């Protein structure tokens, strides 16, 4: 599995977990056994988790895009094969913010 595929998998997992939390949120709203305060507290916790998962997915997508861009640049530049053969070198050689303003 390539580094890019790993980031895709991480993003997908975060979005799937987020979808489950949103389903949980709907269940909480429909639960007549919970008080309004309990619902509000649970909603706040779910909302915080949803935001965290969205950030994780966004980060994984951005990392995958940067990794793909680095690999493409290395391939086009005719860089030695050892750079493209070792993903850890490419991510260390080119900083995470190298392609972002």
C-alpha atoms as a PDB file:
ATOM      1  CA  UNK A   1       0.000   0.000   0.000  1.00  0.00           C
ATOM      2  CA  UNK A   2       1.410   3.395  -0.975  1.00  0.00           C
ATOM      3  CA  UNK A   3       1.543   6.371   1.329  1.00  0.00           C
ATOM      4  CA  UNK A   4      -1.172   8.079  -0.724  1.00  0.00           C
ATOM      5  CA  UNK A   5      -3.437   5.033  -0.326  1.00  0.00           C
ATOM      6  CA  UNK A   6      -2.784   5.055   3.414  1.00  0.00           C
ATOM      7  CA  UNK A   7      -3.929   8.678   3.632  1.00  0.00           C
ATOM      8  CA  UNK A   8      -7.017   7.851   1.562  1.00  0.00           C
ATOM      9  CA  UNK A   9      -7.818   5.001   3.955  1.00  0.00           C
ATOM     10  CA  UNK A  10      -7.394   7.303   6.978  1.00  0.00           C
ATOM     11  CA  UNK A  11      -9.686   9.928   5.467  1.00  0.00           C
ATOM     12  CA  UNK A  12     -12.330   7.333   4.618  1.00  0.00           C
ATOM     13  CA  UNK A  13     -12.214   5.863   8.140  1.00  0.00           C
ATOM     14  CA  UNK A  14     -12.608   9.301   9.717  1.00  0.00           C
ATOM     15  CA  UNK A  15     -15.577  10.121   7.476  1.00  0.00           C
ATOM     16  CA  UNK A  16     -17.233   6.774   8.217  1.00  0.00           C
ATOM     17  CA  UNK A  17     -16.844   7.358  11.956  1.00  0.00           C
ATOM     18  CA  UNK A  18     -18.233  10.876  11.489  1.00  0.00           C
ATOM     19  CA  UNK A  19     -21.289   9.463   9.701  1.00  0.00           C
ATOM     20  CA  UNK A  20     -21.901   7.097  12.623  1.00  0.00           C
ATOM     21  CA  UNK A  21     -21.681   9.992  15.085  1.00  0.00           C
ATOM     22  CA  UNK A  22     -24.218  11.961  13.082  1.00  0.00           C
ATOM     23  CA  UNK A  23     -26.550   8.951  13.206  1.00  0.00           C
ATOM     24  CA  UNK A  24     -25.957   8.829  16.981  1.00  0.00           C
ATOM     25  CA  UNK A  25     -26.859  12.514  17.185  1.00  0.00           C
ATOM     26  CA  UNK A  26     -30.230  11.809  15.585  1.00  0.00           C
ATOM     27  CA  UNK A  27     -30.814   8.983  18.067  1.00  0.00           C
ATOM     28  CA  UNK A  28     -30.043  11.278  20.999  1.00  0.00           C
ATOM     29  CA  UNK A  29     -32.520  13.859  19.741  1.00  0.00           C
ATOM     30  CA  UNK A  30     -35.253  11.223  19.506  1.00  0.00           C
ATOM     31  CA  UNK A  31     -34.537   9.703  22.950  1.00  0.00           C
ATOM     32  CA  UNK A  32     -37.423  10.723  25.205  1.00  0.00           C
ATOM     33  CA  UNK A  33     -35.717   9.250  28.284  1.00  0.00           C
ATOM     34  CA  UNK A  34     -32.983  11.907  28.268  1.00  0.00           C
ATOM     35  CA  UNK A  35     -33.434  15.331  29.795  1.00  0.00           C
ATOM     36  CA  UNK A  36     -32.824  18.449  27.759  1.00  0.00           C
ATOM     37  CA  UNK A  37     -29.571  19.040  29.675  1.00  0.00           C
ATOM     38  CA  UNK A  38     -28.383  15.481  29.010  1.00  0.00           C
ATOM     39  CA  UNK A  39     -29.207  15.843  25.315  1.00  0.00           C
ATOM     40  CA  UNK A  40     -27.387  19.159  25.120  1.00  0.00           C
ATOM     41  CA  UNK A  41     -24.287  17.703  26.803  1.00  0.00           C
ATOM     42  CA  UNK A  42     -24.315  14.645  24.542  1.00  0.00           C
ATOM     43  CA  UNK A  43     -24.877  16.841  21.469  1.00  0.00           C
ATOM     44  CA  UNK A  44     -21.887  19.003  22.424  1.00  0.00           C
ATOM     45  CA  UNK A  45     -19.676  15.921  22.839  1.00  0.00           C
ATOM     46  CA  UNK A  46     -20.790  14.489  19.513  1.00  0.00           C
ATOM     47  CA  UNK A  47     -20.311  17.849  17.795  1.00  0.00           C
ATOM     48  CA  UNK A  48     -16.759  18.099  19.174  1.00  0.00           C
ATOM     49  CA  UNK A  49     -15.997  14.573  17.930  1.00  0.00           C
ATOM     50  CA  UNK A  50     -17.493  15.308  14.508  1.00  0.00           C
ATOM     51  CA  UNK A  51     -15.323  18.424  14.164  1.00  0.00           C
ATOM     52  CA  UNK A  52     -12.218  16.428  15.189  1.00  0.00           C
ATOM     53  CA  UNK A  53     -12.981  13.723  12.622  1.00  0.00           C
ATOM     54  CA  UNK A  54     -13.574  16.287   9.878  1.00  0.00           C
ATOM     55  CA  UNK A  55     -10.180  17.824  10.681  1.00  0.00           C
ATOM     56  CA  UNK A  56      -8.546  14.364  10.606  1.00  0.00           C
ATOM     57  CA  UNK A  57     -10.106  13.597   7.221  1.00  0.00           C
ATOM     58  CA  UNK A  58      -9.098  16.989   5.827  1.00  0.00           C
ATOM     59  CA  UNK A  59      -5.530  16.509   7.105  1.00  0.00           C
ATOM     60  CA  UNK A  60      -5.273  13.027   5.574  1.00  0.00           C
ATOM     61  CA  UNK A  61      -6.539  14.284   2.211  1.00  0.00           C
ATOM     62  CA  UNK A  62      -4.093  17.200   2.241  1.00  0.00           C
ATOM     63  CA  UNK A  63      -1.190  14.914   3.163  1.00  0.00           C
ATOM     64  CA  UNK A  64      -2.125  12.516   0.385  1.00  0.00           C
ATOM     65  CA  UNK A  65      -2.305  15.369  -2.116  1.00  0.00           C
ATOM     66  CA  UNK A  66       1.112  16.664  -1.031  1.00  0.00           C
ATOM     67  CA  UNK A  67       2.624  13.182  -1.221  1.00  0.00           C
ATOM     68  CA  UNK A  68       1.204  12.663  -4.718  1.00  0.00           C
ATOM     69  CA  UNK A  69       2.507  16.068  -5.783  1.00  0.00           C
ATOM     70  CA  UNK A  70       5.988  15.337  -4.418  1.00  0.00           C
ATOM     71  CA  UNK A  71       6.082  11.988  -6.187  1.00  0.00           C
ATOM     72  CA  UNK A  72       4.939  13.600  -9.426  1.00  0.00           C
ATOM     73  CA  UNK A  73       7.575  16.345  -9.183  1.00  0.00           C
ATOM     74  CA  UNK A  74      10.301  13.828  -8.431  1.00  0.00           C
ATOM     75  CA  UNK A  75       9.247  11.673 -11.361  1.00  0.00           C
ATOM     76  CA  UNK A  76       9.142  14.630 -13.767  1.00  0.00           C
ATOM     77  CA  UNK A  77      12.481  15.977 -12.546  1.00  0.00           C
ATOM     78  CA  UNK A  78      14.213  12.670 -13.180  1.00  0.00           C
ATOM     79  CA  UNK A  79      15.308  12.431  -9.550  1.00  0.00           C
ATOM     80  CA  UNK A  80      17.244   9.300  -8.616  1.00  0.00           C
ATOM     81  CA  UNK A  81      15.071   6.245  -8.086  1.00  0.00           C
ATOM     82  CA  UNK A  82      15.975   5.913  -4.417  1.00  0.00           C
ATOM     83  CA  UNK A  83      13.999   9.072  -3.618  1.00  0.00           C
ATOM     84  CA  UNK A  84      10.808   7.725  -5.122  1.00  0.00           C
ATOM     85  CA  UNK A  85      11.410   4.287  -3.616  1.00  0.00           C
ATOM     86  CA  UNK A  86      11.467   5.564  -0.046  1.00  0.00           C
ATOM     87  CA  UNK A  87       8.297   7.494   0.860  1.00  0.00           C
ATOM     88  CA  UNK A  88       9.747   8.507   4.225  1.00  0.00           C
ATOM     89  CA  UNK A  89      12.572  10.342   2.432  1.00  0.00           C
ATOM     90  CA  UNK A  90      10.212  12.334   0.237  1.00  0.00           C
ATOM     91  CA  UNK A  91       8.101  13.471   3.150  1.00  0.00           C
ATOM     92  CA  UNK A  92      11.197  14.435   5.143  1.00  0.00           C
ATOM     93  CA  UNK A  93      12.965  16.059   2.209  1.00  0.00           C
ATOM     94  CA  UNK A  94      10.039  18.269   1.315  1.00  0.00           C
ATOM     95  CA  UNK A  95       8.373  19.884   4.311  1.00  0.00           C
ATOM     96  CA  UNK A  96       4.650  19.687   4.861  1.00  0.00           C
ATOM     97  CA  UNK A  97       4.203  23.389   4.098  1.00  0.00           C
ATOM     98  CA  UNK A  98       6.416  23.536   1.022  1.00  0.00           C
ATOM     99  CA  UNK A  99       3.465  23.691  -1.357  1.00  0.00           C
ATOM    100  CA  UNK A 100       1.077  25.731   0.742  1.00  0.00           C
ATOM    101  CA  UNK A 101       1.238  29.558   1.031  1.00  0.00           C
END
